[in-house]
Amino acid sequence: MPRIATRAARLAALLALSAAALAGCTPTTTLVSQWGNPEFVGKPFKRVLVIGVTPDQIGRRIFEDEMVAALGARGVAAVQGYRFLPQTQSGPATEQQLRDAVRQAGADSIMLTKATRTTERTTVTPAVVSAPVVGFGWGGFYGYYAGMWPTAGPYVIDPGQVTVTTYVIAETRLFEAANGTIVWFGTTSSQQPPAGASNAMIGEFVRVVVDAMARDRII
């Protein structure tokens, strides 16, 4: 008997770990739409200037570092925009500042990424109520009546809950530097992470975007 109990405990632990692993693999970023300019298919650029369009300088640096590393892993030379654009000004860079950044970086293409809006999805889990269990008493009506009382219900097993999930919609565009021609466009939807987990979300976002551009043979 103890062995059976031990095996059951091990099996339960294994199932719990498997469920946790599967939950951890659930993607938080999905590609909503994409388009690649056929004129640039199979013609990779030599150097990409990556720019995150956001006033959050820390988040911008994390994103640009992640994207540059991901592009580099695919053999695409890239450089962070924060190395060449002003870090202290609160508003957008001027056209001249952008042109100077492209020239100083030696870039032949520019990637711009910006979160455009958020959406919410509400999931309602209904309450689960147990049905009364009929007890046993004496025979006939009187016994049946007496036997029902000890197990009279109903009993609420799960009160149910309402879950609101926020998603961040972002746009990524790749431009040719010489003429400003758009080369690739993609829209993504990312589940907003809990506090302290934004780095993991940025990493997955970068992977989804880079994989999509690679499939379109833009990089």
N, C-alpha and C. Protein backbone atom coordinates (compact mmCIF):
# COMPACT_ATOMS: atom_id res chain seq x y z
N MET A 1 0.81 -1.21 0.00
CA MET A 1 0.00 0.00 0.00
C MET A 1 0.85 1.27 0.00
N PRO A 2 1.90 1.37 0.86
CA PRO A 2 2.75 2.57 0.84
C PRO A 2 3.39 2.80 -0.52
N ARG A 3 3.80 1.67 -1.22
CA ARG A 3 4.42 1.83 -2.54
C ARG A 3 3.46 2.45 -3.54
N ILE A 4 2.20 1.98 -3.49
CA ILE A 4 1.20 2.51 -4.40
C ILE A 4 1.01 4.00 -4.15
N ALA A 5 0.96 4.38 -2.88
CA ALA A 5 0.79 5.80 -2.52
C ALA A 5 1.96 6.62 -3.01
N THR A 6 3.19 6.05 -2.86
CA THR A 6 4.39 6.77 -3.30
C THR A 6 4.39 6.97 -4.81
N ARG A 7 4.03 5.92 -5.55
CA ARG A 7 3.97 6.03 -7.00
C ARG A 7 2.93 7.06 -7.43
N ALA A 8 1.80 7.05 -6.75
CA ALA A 8 0.75 8.02 -7.08
C ALA A 8 1.23 9.44 -6.83
N ALA A 9 1.96 9.63 -5.74
CA ALA A 9 2.49 10.97 -5.42
C ALA A 9 3.48 11.43 -6.48
N ARG A 10 4.35 10.49 -6.92
CA ARG A 10 5.34 10.84 -7.95
C ARG A 10 4.65 11.18 -9.26
N LEU A 11 3.61 10.40 -9.60
CA LEU A 11 2.88 10.67 -10.84
C LEU A 11 2.21 12.03 -10.79
N ALA A 12 1.62 12.34 -9.63
CA ALA A 12 0.96 13.64 -9.49
C ALA A 12 1.96 14.79 -9.63
N ALA A 13 3.15 14.61 -9.05
CA ALA A 13 4.19 15.65 -9.14
C ALA A 13 4.64 15.82 -10.59
N LEU A 14 4.78 14.70 -11.30
CA LEU A 14 5.22 14.75 -12.70
C LEU A 14 4.19 15.47 -13.56
N LEU A 15 2.91 15.16 -13.34
CA LEU A 15 1.86 15.82 -14.09
C LEU A 15 1.83 17.32 -13.80
N ALA A 16 2.06 17.67 -12.55
CA ALA A 16 2.08 19.09 -12.18
C ALA A 16 3.22 19.83 -12.87
N LEU A 17 4.40 19.20 -12.92
CA LEU A 17 5.54 19.82 -13.59
C LEU A 17 5.29 19.95 -15.09
N SER A 18 4.66 18.92 -15.68
CA SER A 18 4.37 18.97 -17.11
C SER A 18 3.40 20.09 -17.42
N ALA A 19 2.38 20.25 -16.58
CA ALA A 19 1.41 21.32 -16.78
C ALA A 19 2.07 22.68 -16.67
N ALA A 20 2.98 22.83 -15.70
CA ALA A 20 3.69 24.11 -15.54
C ALA A 20 4.56 24.41 -16.74
N ALA A 21 5.21 23.37 -17.27
CA ALA A 21 6.07 23.56 -18.44
C ALA A 21 5.26 23.99 -19.64
N LEU A 22 4.09 23.35 -19.83
CA LEU A 22 3.24 23.72 -20.96
C LEU A 22 2.73 25.13 -20.81
N ALA A 23 2.37 25.50 -19.59
CA ALA A 23 1.89 26.86 -19.36
C ALA A 23 2.97 27.88 -19.66
N GLY A 24 4.23 27.54 -19.33
CA GLY A 24 5.34 28.45 -19.59
C GLY A 24 5.63 28.62 -21.06
N CYS A 25 5.20 27.63 -21.88
CA CYS A 25 5.45 27.68 -23.32
C CYS A 25 4.35 28.42 -24.07
N THR A 26 3.28 28.80 -23.39
CA THR A 26 2.19 29.49 -24.06
C THR A 26 2.68 30.82 -24.60
N PRO A 27 2.56 31.06 -25.90
CA PRO A 27 3.07 32.30 -26.47
C PRO A 27 2.30 33.51 -25.97
N THR A 28 3.00 34.60 -25.67
CA THR A 28 2.36 35.83 -25.24
C THR A 28 2.31 36.86 -26.36
N THR A 29 3.03 36.60 -27.47
CA THR A 29 3.02 37.50 -28.62
C THR A 29 2.63 36.73 -29.86
N THR A 30 1.68 37.27 -30.61
CA THR A 30 1.27 36.65 -31.87
C THR A 30 1.35 37.68 -32.98
N LEU A 31 1.60 37.20 -34.18
CA LEU A 31 1.67 38.08 -35.35
C LEU A 31 0.26 38.22 -35.92
N VAL A 32 -0.24 39.45 -35.97
CA VAL A 32 -1.59 39.70 -36.45
C VAL A 32 -1.62 39.87 -37.96
N SER A 33 -0.66 40.61 -38.50
CA SER A 33 -0.59 40.82 -39.95
C SER A 33 0.85 41.12 -40.34
N GLN A 34 1.19 40.87 -41.60
CA GLN A 34 2.54 41.16 -42.10
C GLN A 34 2.50 41.37 -43.59
N TRP A 35 3.48 42.11 -44.09
CA TRP A 35 3.60 42.35 -45.52
C TRP A 35 5.06 42.60 -45.84
N GLY A 36 5.54 41.98 -46.91
CA GLY A 36 6.91 42.18 -47.35
C GLY A 36 6.92 42.72 -48.77
N ASN A 37 7.72 43.75 -49.01
CA ASN A 37 7.84 44.35 -50.35
C ASN A 37 8.56 43.37 -51.26
N PRO A 38 7.89 42.88 -52.32
CA PRO A 38 8.52 41.88 -53.20
C PRO A 38 9.78 42.38 -53.88
N GLU A 39 9.96 43.71 -53.98
CA GLU A 39 11.15 44.24 -54.63
C GLU A 39 12.41 44.00 -53.80
N PHE A 40 12.24 43.69 -52.52
CA PHE A 40 13.40 43.53 -51.64
C PHE A 40 13.58 42.10 -51.15
N VAL A 41 12.77 41.17 -51.65
CA VAL A 41 12.88 39.78 -51.23
C VAL A 41 14.22 39.20 -51.66
N GLY A 42 14.92 38.59 -50.73
CA GLY A 42 16.19 37.97 -51.05
C GLY A 42 17.34 38.94 -51.22
N LYS A 43 17.13 40.19 -50.82
CA LYS A 43 18.18 41.21 -50.94
C LYS A 43 18.45 41.81 -49.55
N PRO A 44 19.16 41.10 -48.72
CA PRO A 44 19.37 41.56 -47.33
C PRO A 44 20.17 42.86 -47.28
N PHE A 45 19.86 43.65 -46.25
CA PHE A 45 20.58 44.89 -46.04
C PHE A 45 21.89 44.62 -45.29
N LYS A 46 22.80 45.56 -45.42
CA LYS A 46 24.11 45.37 -44.79
C LYS A 46 24.12 45.82 -43.33
N ARG A 47 23.30 46.83 -43.00
CA ARG A 47 23.32 47.36 -41.63
C ARG A 47 21.97 48.00 -41.31
N VAL A 48 21.33 47.53 -40.25
CA VAL A 48 20.00 48.01 -39.85
C VAL A 48 20.13 48.90 -38.61
N LEU A 49 19.52 50.08 -38.67
CA LEU A 49 19.44 50.95 -37.51
C LEU A 49 18.11 50.68 -36.81
N VAL A 50 18.15 50.18 -35.59
CA VAL A 50 16.95 49.78 -34.85
C VAL A 50 16.54 50.91 -33.90
N ILE A 51 15.28 51.35 -34.02
CA ILE A 51 14.78 52.45 -33.20
C ILE A 51 13.45 52.06 -32.56
N GLY A 52 13.40 52.10 -31.24
CA GLY A 52 12.14 51.92 -30.53
C GLY A 52 11.52 53.29 -30.29
N VAL A 53 10.29 53.49 -30.75
CA VAL A 53 9.64 54.79 -30.63
C VAL A 53 8.84 54.82 -29.33
N THR A 54 9.46 55.33 -28.27
CA THR A 54 8.83 55.39 -26.95
C THR A 54 9.58 56.39 -26.07
N PRO A 55 8.88 57.10 -25.20
CA PRO A 55 9.56 58.00 -24.27
C PRO A 55 10.24 57.25 -23.12
N ASP A 56 9.95 55.96 -22.98
CA ASP A 56 10.56 55.14 -21.93
C ASP A 56 11.96 54.73 -22.37
N GLN A 57 12.97 55.46 -21.90
CA GLN A 57 14.33 55.24 -22.37
C GLN A 57 14.89 53.89 -21.93
N ILE A 58 14.51 53.43 -20.76
CA ILE A 58 15.01 52.13 -20.30
C ILE A 58 14.40 51.01 -21.14
N GLY A 59 13.07 51.06 -21.34
CA GLY A 59 12.42 50.07 -22.17
C GLY A 59 12.94 50.09 -23.59
N ARG A 60 13.23 51.29 -24.09
CA ARG A 60 13.75 51.43 -25.44
C ARG A 60 15.12 50.76 -25.57
N ARG A 61 15.98 50.98 -24.60
CA ARG A 61 17.31 50.36 -24.64
C ARG A 61 17.23 48.83 -24.60
N ILE A 62 16.34 48.33 -23.74
CA ILE A 62 16.20 46.88 -23.64
C ILE A 62 15.73 46.31 -24.97
N PHE A 63 14.71 46.95 -25.57
CA PHE A 63 14.20 46.48 -26.85
C PHE A 63 15.26 46.53 -27.94
N GLU A 64 15.93 47.68 -28.07
CA GLU A 64 16.92 47.81 -29.14
C GLU A 64 18.08 46.84 -28.97
N ASP A 65 18.50 46.62 -27.72
CA ASP A 65 19.57 45.63 -27.48
C ASP A 65 19.12 44.22 -27.88
N GLU A 66 17.89 43.87 -27.52
CA GLU A 66 17.36 42.54 -27.84
C GLU A 66 17.24 42.35 -29.35
N MET A 67 16.71 43.36 -30.03
CA MET A 67 16.53 43.26 -31.48
C MET A 67 17.87 43.18 -32.21
N VAL A 68 18.82 43.98 -31.80
CA VAL A 68 20.15 43.95 -32.43
C VAL A 68 20.79 42.57 -32.24
N ALA A 69 20.65 42.00 -31.05
CA ALA A 69 21.21 40.67 -30.79
C ALA A 69 20.52 39.60 -31.62
N ALA A 70 19.18 39.69 -31.75
CA ALA A 70 18.44 38.70 -32.52
C ALA A 70 18.78 38.78 -34.01
N LEU A 71 18.91 39.99 -34.52
CA LEU A 71 19.29 40.13 -35.93
C LEU A 71 20.72 39.63 -36.15
N GLY A 72 21.60 39.95 -35.21
CA GLY A 72 22.98 39.48 -35.32
C GLY A 72 23.07 37.96 -35.32
N ALA A 73 22.20 37.30 -34.55
CA ALA A 73 22.20 35.84 -34.50
C ALA A 73 21.83 35.24 -35.85
N ARG A 74 21.14 36.00 -36.69
CA ARG A 74 20.78 35.55 -38.04
C ARG A 74 21.75 36.07 -39.09
N GLY A 75 22.84 36.66 -38.64
CA GLY A 75 23.84 37.14 -39.58
C GLY A 75 23.55 38.51 -40.16
N VAL A 76 22.62 39.24 -39.55
CA VAL A 76 22.27 40.57 -40.04
C VAL A 76 22.90 41.62 -39.12
N ALA A 77 23.75 42.46 -39.66
CA ALA A 77 24.40 43.50 -38.86
C ALA A 77 23.36 44.56 -38.49
N ALA A 78 23.33 44.95 -37.23
CA ALA A 78 22.37 45.94 -36.76
C ALA A 78 23.00 46.76 -35.65
N VAL A 79 22.44 47.94 -35.40
CA VAL A 79 22.98 48.84 -34.39
C VAL A 79 21.82 49.54 -33.70
N GLN A 80 22.00 49.85 -32.41
CA GLN A 80 20.96 50.48 -31.62
C GLN A 80 20.83 51.97 -31.94
N GLY A 81 19.58 52.42 -32.03
CA GLY A 81 19.33 53.83 -32.29
C GLY A 81 19.76 54.73 -31.16
N TYR A 82 19.69 54.24 -29.91
CA TYR A 82 20.04 55.11 -28.78
C TYR A 82 21.50 55.52 -28.79
N ARG A 83 22.31 54.84 -29.57
CA ARG A 83 23.73 55.21 -29.66
C ARG A 83 23.94 56.47 -30.50
N PHE A 84 22.95 56.83 -31.30
CA PHE A 84 23.14 57.94 -32.23
C PHE A 84 22.08 59.03 -32.11
N LEU A 85 20.99 58.76 -31.41
CA LEU A 85 19.94 59.76 -31.25
C LEU A 85 20.00 60.36 -29.85
N PRO A 86 19.57 61.62 -29.67
CA PRO A 86 19.61 62.26 -28.36
C PRO A 86 18.80 61.48 -27.32
N GLN A 87 19.33 61.40 -26.13
CA GLN A 87 18.67 60.67 -25.06
C GLN A 87 17.94 61.58 -24.08
N THR A 88 18.21 62.86 -24.13
CA THR A 88 17.67 63.77 -23.12
C THR A 88 16.40 64.49 -23.56
N GLN A 89 16.18 64.63 -24.86
CA GLN A 89 15.00 65.37 -25.29
C GLN A 89 13.73 64.53 -25.09
N SER A 90 12.63 65.21 -24.72
CA SER A 90 11.40 64.50 -24.39
C SER A 90 10.56 64.17 -25.62
N GLY A 91 10.71 64.96 -26.67
CA GLY A 91 9.91 64.75 -27.88
C GLY A 91 10.64 63.92 -28.91
N PRO A 92 10.05 63.79 -30.10
CA PRO A 92 10.66 63.00 -31.16
C PRO A 92 11.90 63.68 -31.73
N ALA A 93 12.76 62.89 -32.35
CA ALA A 93 13.94 63.43 -33.01
C ALA A 93 13.51 64.17 -34.28
N THR A 94 14.29 65.17 -34.65
CA THR A 94 13.99 65.90 -35.88
C THR A 94 14.46 65.09 -37.09
N GLU A 95 14.00 65.51 -38.26
CA GLU A 95 14.42 64.82 -39.48
C GLU A 95 15.93 64.87 -39.64
N GLN A 96 16.51 66.03 -39.33
CA GLN A 96 17.97 66.15 -39.46
C GLN A 96 18.69 65.22 -38.49
N GLN A 97 18.16 65.12 -37.25
CA GLN A 97 18.77 64.22 -36.28
C GLN A 97 18.69 62.76 -36.76
N LEU A 98 17.58 62.40 -37.38
CA LEU A 98 17.44 61.05 -37.92
C LEU A 98 18.42 60.81 -39.07
N ARG A 99 18.53 61.80 -39.96
CA ARG A 99 19.46 61.65 -41.08
C ARG A 99 20.90 61.54 -40.58
N ASP A 100 21.23 62.32 -39.57
CA ASP A 100 22.58 62.25 -39.01
C ASP A 100 22.82 60.89 -38.36
N ALA A 101 21.81 60.37 -37.68
CA ALA A 101 21.95 59.07 -37.03
C ALA A 101 22.17 57.97 -38.05
N VAL A 102 21.41 58.00 -39.14
CA VAL A 102 21.57 57.00 -40.20
C VAL A 102 22.97 57.07 -40.79
N ARG A 103 23.44 58.31 -41.02
CA ARG A 103 24.77 58.48 -41.60
C ARG A 103 25.86 58.01 -40.64
N GLN A 104 25.76 58.41 -39.38
CA GLN A 104 26.78 58.03 -38.40
C GLN A 104 26.80 56.52 -38.15
N ALA A 105 25.63 55.90 -38.23
CA ALA A 105 25.56 54.45 -38.01
C ALA A 105 25.99 53.66 -39.23
N GLY A 106 26.09 54.33 -40.37
CA GLY A 106 26.43 53.63 -41.61
C GLY A 106 25.34 52.65 -42.01
N ALA A 107 24.08 53.01 -41.72
CA ALA A 107 22.96 52.11 -41.96
C ALA A 107 22.37 52.30 -43.36
N ASP A 108 21.96 51.19 -43.96
CA ASP A 108 21.25 51.27 -45.23
C ASP A 108 19.77 50.95 -45.07
N SER A 109 19.34 50.74 -43.82
CA SER A 109 17.92 50.49 -43.54
C SER A 109 17.62 50.89 -42.10
N ILE A 110 16.34 51.20 -41.83
CA ILE A 110 15.92 51.62 -40.49
C ILE A 110 14.70 50.81 -40.08
N MET A 111 14.74 50.28 -38.87
CA MET A 111 13.58 49.58 -38.31
C MET A 111 12.97 50.43 -37.21
N LEU A 112 11.66 50.70 -37.33
CA LEU A 112 10.93 51.46 -36.33
C LEU A 112 9.88 50.56 -35.68
N THR A 113 9.81 50.56 -34.37
CA THR A 113 8.80 49.79 -33.64
C THR A 113 8.12 50.68 -32.63
N LYS A 114 6.78 50.61 -32.60
CA LYS A 114 6.01 51.45 -31.69
C LYS A 114 4.76 50.70 -31.22
N ALA A 115 4.47 50.79 -29.91
CA ALA A 115 3.20 50.29 -29.38
C ALA A 115 2.13 51.31 -29.73
N THR A 116 1.08 50.89 -30.42
CA THR A 116 0.08 51.83 -30.92
C THR A 116 -1.15 51.94 -30.03
N ARG A 117 -1.54 50.85 -29.38
CA ARG A 117 -2.74 50.89 -28.55
C ARG A 117 -2.80 49.63 -27.69
N THR A 118 -3.79 49.57 -26.81
CA THR A 118 -4.02 48.37 -26.00
C THR A 118 -5.47 47.93 -26.17
N THR A 119 -5.69 46.65 -26.03
CA THR A 119 -7.05 46.10 -26.04
C THR A 119 -7.21 45.20 -24.82
N GLU A 120 -8.46 44.95 -24.44
CA GLU A 120 -8.73 44.10 -23.29
C GLU A 120 -9.66 42.96 -23.68
N ARG A 121 -9.41 41.80 -23.09
CA ARG A 121 -10.26 40.64 -23.31
C ARG A 121 -10.74 40.14 -21.95
N THR A 122 -12.06 40.01 -21.82
CA THR A 122 -12.65 39.56 -20.56
C THR A 122 -13.07 38.11 -20.66
N THR A 123 -12.62 37.30 -19.72
CA THR A 123 -12.97 35.89 -19.66
C THR A 123 -13.76 35.63 -18.38
N VAL A 124 -14.94 35.05 -18.53
CA VAL A 124 -15.79 34.75 -17.38
C VAL A 124 -15.83 33.25 -17.15
N THR A 125 -15.41 32.84 -15.96
CA THR A 125 -15.48 31.44 -15.57
C THR A 125 -16.68 31.27 -14.65
N PRO A 126 -17.72 30.53 -15.08
CA PRO A 126 -18.93 30.40 -14.26
C PRO A 126 -18.68 29.59 -12.99
N ALA A 127 -19.50 29.85 -12.00
CA ALA A 127 -19.41 29.08 -10.76
C ALA A 127 -19.85 27.64 -11.01
N VAL A 128 -19.21 26.72 -10.29
CA VAL A 128 -19.55 25.30 -10.38
C VAL A 128 -20.19 24.90 -9.07
N VAL A 129 -21.41 24.39 -9.14
CA VAL A 129 -22.16 24.01 -7.94
C VAL A 129 -22.41 22.51 -7.95
N SER A 130 -22.15 21.87 -6.81
CA SER A 130 -22.36 20.43 -6.71
C SER A 130 -23.84 20.13 -6.51
N ALA A 131 -24.29 19.02 -7.04
CA ALA A 131 -25.66 18.58 -6.83
C ALA A 131 -25.76 17.87 -5.48
N PRO A 132 -26.87 17.99 -4.80
CA PRO A 132 -27.01 17.31 -3.50
C PRO A 132 -26.87 15.80 -3.65
N VAL A 133 -26.20 15.21 -2.70
CA VAL A 133 -26.04 13.75 -2.69
C VAL A 133 -27.14 13.16 -1.81
N VAL A 134 -27.85 12.22 -2.37
CA VAL A 134 -28.96 11.62 -1.62
C VAL A 134 -28.42 10.59 -0.64
N GLY A 135 -28.79 10.72 0.62
CA GLY A 135 -28.34 9.76 1.62
C GLY A 135 -29.29 8.56 1.72
N PHE A 136 -28.97 7.67 2.59
CA PHE A 136 -29.79 6.48 2.76
C PHE A 136 -30.43 6.50 4.14
N GLY A 137 -31.68 6.15 4.20
CA GLY A 137 -32.38 6.07 5.47
C GLY A 137 -33.21 4.79 5.51
N TRP A 138 -34.29 4.83 6.27
CA TRP A 138 -35.14 3.66 6.31
C TRP A 138 -35.94 3.56 5.01
N GLY A 139 -36.56 2.48 4.79
CA GLY A 139 -37.35 2.30 3.58
C GLY A 139 -38.57 3.19 3.57
N GLY A 140 -39.08 3.49 2.38
CA GLY A 140 -40.29 4.27 2.24
C GLY A 140 -40.05 5.76 2.35
N PHE A 141 -41.14 6.48 2.35
CA PHE A 141 -41.08 7.94 2.34
C PHE A 141 -40.35 8.50 3.56
N TYR A 142 -40.67 8.00 4.76
CA TYR A 142 -40.10 8.57 5.98
C TYR A 142 -38.58 8.36 6.04
N GLY A 143 -38.14 7.18 5.64
CA GLY A 143 -36.70 6.92 5.64
C GLY A 143 -35.98 7.74 4.59
N TYR A 144 -36.62 7.87 3.41
CA TYR A 144 -35.99 8.65 2.33
C TYR A 144 -35.83 10.11 2.76
N TYR A 145 -36.88 10.63 3.39
CA TYR A 145 -36.85 12.03 3.86
C TYR A 145 -35.75 12.24 4.89
N ALA A 146 -35.64 11.34 5.85
CA ALA A 146 -34.63 11.47 6.89
C ALA A 146 -33.22 11.33 6.32
N GLY A 147 -33.05 10.44 5.34
CA GLY A 147 -31.72 10.23 4.76
C GLY A 147 -31.23 11.38 3.92
N MET A 148 -32.13 12.23 3.41
CA MET A 148 -31.71 13.35 2.57
C MET A 148 -31.10 14.49 3.39
N TRP A 149 -31.50 14.67 4.62
CA TRP A 149 -31.08 15.83 5.39
C TRP A 149 -29.57 15.92 5.62
N PRO A 150 -28.89 14.85 5.94
CA PRO A 150 -27.44 14.99 6.22
C PRO A 150 -26.62 15.51 5.04
N THR A 151 -27.15 15.34 3.83
CA THR A 151 -26.36 15.75 2.65
C THR A 151 -27.08 16.82 1.85
N ALA A 152 -27.98 17.56 2.49
CA ALA A 152 -28.70 18.61 1.77
C ALA A 152 -27.73 19.69 1.31
N GLY A 153 -27.92 20.19 0.10
CA GLY A 153 -27.02 21.19 -0.47
C GLY A 153 -27.81 22.39 -0.95
N PRO A 154 -27.40 23.08 -2.03
CA PRO A 154 -26.20 22.75 -2.83
C PRO A 154 -24.90 23.24 -2.19
N TYR A 155 -23.77 22.74 -2.71
CA TYR A 155 -22.46 23.13 -2.22
C TYR A 155 -21.68 23.80 -3.34
N VAL A 156 -21.17 25.00 -3.12
CA VAL A 156 -20.39 25.71 -4.13
C VAL A 156 -18.96 25.19 -4.11
N ILE A 157 -18.53 24.63 -5.24
CA ILE A 157 -17.16 24.11 -5.35
C ILE A 157 -16.22 25.21 -5.82
N ASP A 158 -16.64 25.97 -6.83
CA ASP A 158 -15.82 27.04 -7.39
C ASP A 158 -16.73 28.25 -7.58
N PRO A 159 -16.45 29.37 -6.93
CA PRO A 159 -17.32 30.53 -7.05
C PRO A 159 -17.25 31.22 -8.41
N GLY A 160 -16.29 30.82 -9.27
CA GLY A 160 -16.14 31.46 -10.57
C GLY A 160 -15.37 32.77 -10.46
N GLN A 161 -14.96 33.31 -11.60
CA GLN A 161 -14.19 34.54 -11.57
C GLN A 161 -14.24 35.24 -12.93
N VAL A 162 -13.92 36.53 -12.91
CA VAL A 162 -13.84 37.33 -14.13
C VAL A 162 -12.39 37.77 -14.29
N THR A 163 -11.79 37.43 -15.43
CA THR A 163 -10.39 37.77 -15.69
C THR A 163 -10.31 38.73 -16.86
N VAL A 164 -9.61 39.85 -16.66
CA VAL A 164 -9.41 40.83 -17.73
C VAL A 164 -7.94 40.81 -18.13
N THR A 165 -7.67 40.49 -19.40
CA THR A 165 -6.31 40.41 -19.92
C THR A 165 -6.07 41.57 -20.88
N THR A 166 -4.98 42.28 -20.68
CA THR A 166 -4.64 43.42 -21.54
C THR A 166 -3.60 43.01 -22.58
N TYR A 167 -3.82 43.42 -23.82
CA TYR A 167 -2.90 43.13 -24.92
C TYR A 167 -2.38 44.43 -25.51
N VAL A 168 -1.09 44.45 -25.82
CA VAL A 168 -0.44 45.62 -26.41
C VAL A 168 -0.29 45.37 -27.91
N ILE A 169 -0.86 46.25 -28.72
CA ILE A 169 -0.74 46.15 -30.18
C ILE A 169 0.43 47.02 -30.63
N ALA A 170 1.35 46.45 -31.38
CA ALA A 170 2.54 47.18 -31.81
C ALA A 170 2.74 47.03 -33.32
N GLU A 171 3.38 48.03 -33.91
CA GLU A 171 3.72 48.02 -35.33
C GLU A 171 5.23 48.07 -35.50
N THR A 172 5.73 47.27 -36.42
CA THR A 172 7.15 47.29 -36.76
C THR A 172 7.28 47.51 -38.26
N ARG A 173 8.09 48.48 -38.65
CA ARG A 173 8.29 48.78 -40.07
C ARG A 173 9.78 48.86 -40.37
N LEU A 174 10.14 48.30 -41.49
CA LEU A 174 11.53 48.35 -41.97
C LEU A 174 11.56 49.20 -43.23
N PHE A 175 12.45 50.20 -43.25
CA PHE A 175 12.55 51.12 -44.38
C PHE A 175 13.93 51.04 -45.02
N GLU A 176 13.97 51.28 -46.31
CA GLU A 176 15.25 51.48 -47.00
C GLU A 176 15.72 52.90 -46.68
N ALA A 177 16.98 53.05 -46.33
CA ALA A 177 17.47 54.36 -45.90
C ALA A 177 17.61 55.34 -47.06
N ALA A 178 17.99 54.87 -48.21
CA ALA A 178 18.29 55.76 -49.34
C ALA A 178 17.07 56.56 -49.78
N ASN A 179 15.93 55.87 -49.98
CA ASN A 179 14.75 56.53 -50.51
C ASN A 179 13.56 56.54 -49.55
N GLY A 180 13.72 55.93 -48.38
CA GLY A 180 12.61 55.89 -47.42
C GLY A 180 11.52 54.92 -47.81
N THR A 181 11.80 53.99 -48.72
CA THR A 181 10.80 53.01 -49.17
C THR A 181 10.53 51.99 -48.07
N ILE A 182 9.25 51.68 -47.85
CA ILE A 182 8.93 50.67 -46.86
C ILE A 182 9.23 49.28 -47.43
N VAL A 183 9.91 48.49 -46.64
CA VAL A 183 10.35 47.17 -47.06
C VAL A 183 9.52 46.06 -46.42
N TRP A 184 9.17 46.26 -45.15
CA TRP A 184 8.40 45.23 -44.43
C TRP A 184 7.55 45.90 -43.37
N PHE A 185 6.37 45.30 -43.14
CA PHE A 185 5.44 45.82 -42.15
C PHE A 185 4.83 44.66 -41.38
N GLY A 186 4.74 44.78 -40.05
CA GLY A 186 4.13 43.73 -39.24
C GLY A 186 3.40 44.31 -38.05
N THR A 187 2.26 43.72 -37.71
CA THR A 187 1.49 44.11 -36.53
C THR A 187 1.46 42.92 -35.57
N THR A 188 1.71 43.18 -34.31
CA THR A 188 1.74 42.12 -33.31
C THR A 188 0.80 42.45 -32.15
N SER A 189 0.39 41.38 -31.46
CA SER A 189 -0.41 41.52 -30.25
C SER A 189 0.31 40.78 -29.14
N SER A 190 0.65 41.49 -28.06
CA SER A 190 1.41 40.91 -26.95
C SER A 190 0.62 41.04 -25.66
N GLN A 191 0.51 39.94 -24.94
CA GLN A 191 -0.16 39.99 -23.64
C GLN A 191 0.69 40.79 -22.67
N GLN A 192 0.06 41.77 -22.04
CA GLN A 192 0.80 42.61 -21.09
C GLN A 192 1.27 41.76 -19.92
N PRO A 193 2.57 41.76 -19.65
CA PRO A 193 3.10 40.89 -18.61
C PRO A 193 2.87 41.45 -17.22
N PRO A 194 2.96 40.62 -16.19
CA PRO A 194 2.88 41.13 -14.82
C PRO A 194 4.12 41.95 -14.50
N ALA A 195 4.06 42.68 -13.43
CA ALA A 195 5.19 43.53 -13.03
C ALA A 195 6.46 42.70 -12.89
N GLY A 196 7.54 43.18 -13.49
CA GLY A 196 8.82 42.51 -13.37
C GLY A 196 9.08 41.47 -14.44
N ALA A 197 8.13 41.27 -15.36
CA ALA A 197 8.31 40.23 -16.39
C ALA A 197 8.35 40.81 -17.80
N SER A 198 8.55 42.12 -17.91
CA SER A 198 8.53 42.76 -19.23
C SER A 198 9.68 42.31 -20.11
N ASN A 199 10.84 42.00 -19.54
CA ASN A 199 11.99 41.58 -20.34
C ASN A 199 11.68 40.32 -21.12
N ALA A 200 11.00 39.37 -20.49
CA ALA A 200 10.66 38.12 -21.17
C ALA A 200 9.70 38.39 -22.32
N MET A 201 8.75 39.30 -22.13
CA MET A 201 7.80 39.64 -23.18
C MET A 201 8.52 40.30 -24.35
N ILE A 202 9.45 41.20 -24.06
CA ILE A 202 10.21 41.86 -25.13
C ILE A 202 11.01 40.83 -25.92
N GLY A 203 11.62 39.88 -25.22
CA GLY A 203 12.39 38.84 -25.89
C GLY A 203 11.55 38.02 -26.84
N GLU A 204 10.34 37.65 -26.41
CA GLU A 204 9.47 36.87 -27.29
C GLU A 204 8.96 37.71 -28.45
N PHE A 205 8.65 38.98 -28.18
CA PHE A 205 8.21 39.89 -29.25
C PHE A 205 9.27 39.99 -30.34
N VAL A 206 10.51 40.17 -29.93
CA VAL A 206 11.62 40.27 -30.88
C VAL A 206 11.74 39.00 -31.71
N ARG A 207 11.63 37.85 -31.06
CA ARG A 207 11.75 36.58 -31.77
C ARG A 207 10.65 36.43 -32.82
N VAL A 208 9.42 36.78 -32.46
CA VAL A 208 8.29 36.67 -33.40
C VAL A 208 8.51 37.56 -34.62
N VAL A 209 8.94 38.80 -34.40
CA VAL A 209 9.14 39.74 -35.50
C VAL A 209 10.29 39.30 -36.41
N VAL A 210 11.41 38.92 -35.81
CA VAL A 210 12.57 38.50 -36.61
C VAL A 210 12.25 37.23 -37.40
N ASP A 211 11.57 36.28 -36.79
CA ASP A 211 11.19 35.05 -37.50
C ASP A 211 10.28 35.37 -38.69
N ALA A 212 9.36 36.31 -38.51
CA ALA A 212 8.44 36.68 -39.58
C ALA A 212 9.19 37.34 -40.75
N MET A 213 10.13 38.21 -40.45
CA MET A 213 10.91 38.85 -41.52
C MET A 213 11.78 37.82 -42.25
N ALA A 214 12.28 36.86 -41.49
CA ALA A 214 13.10 35.81 -42.11
C ALA A 214 12.24 34.95 -43.05
N ARG A 215 11.01 34.63 -42.63
CA ARG A 215 10.12 33.84 -43.49
C ARG A 215 9.80 34.59 -44.79
N ASP A 216 9.70 35.91 -44.69
CA ASP A 216 9.43 36.73 -45.89
C ASP A 216 10.69 37.01 -46.71
N ARG A 217 11.81 36.47 -46.23
CA ARG A 217 13.12 36.62 -46.91
C ARG A 217 13.49 38.09 -47.08
N ILE A 218 13.16 38.87 -46.06
CA ILE A 218 13.57 40.29 -46.04
C ILE A 218 14.93 40.43 -45.36
N ILE A 219 15.20 39.54 -44.43
CA ILE A 219 16.52 39.52 -43.77
C ILE A 219 17.16 38.17 -43.99
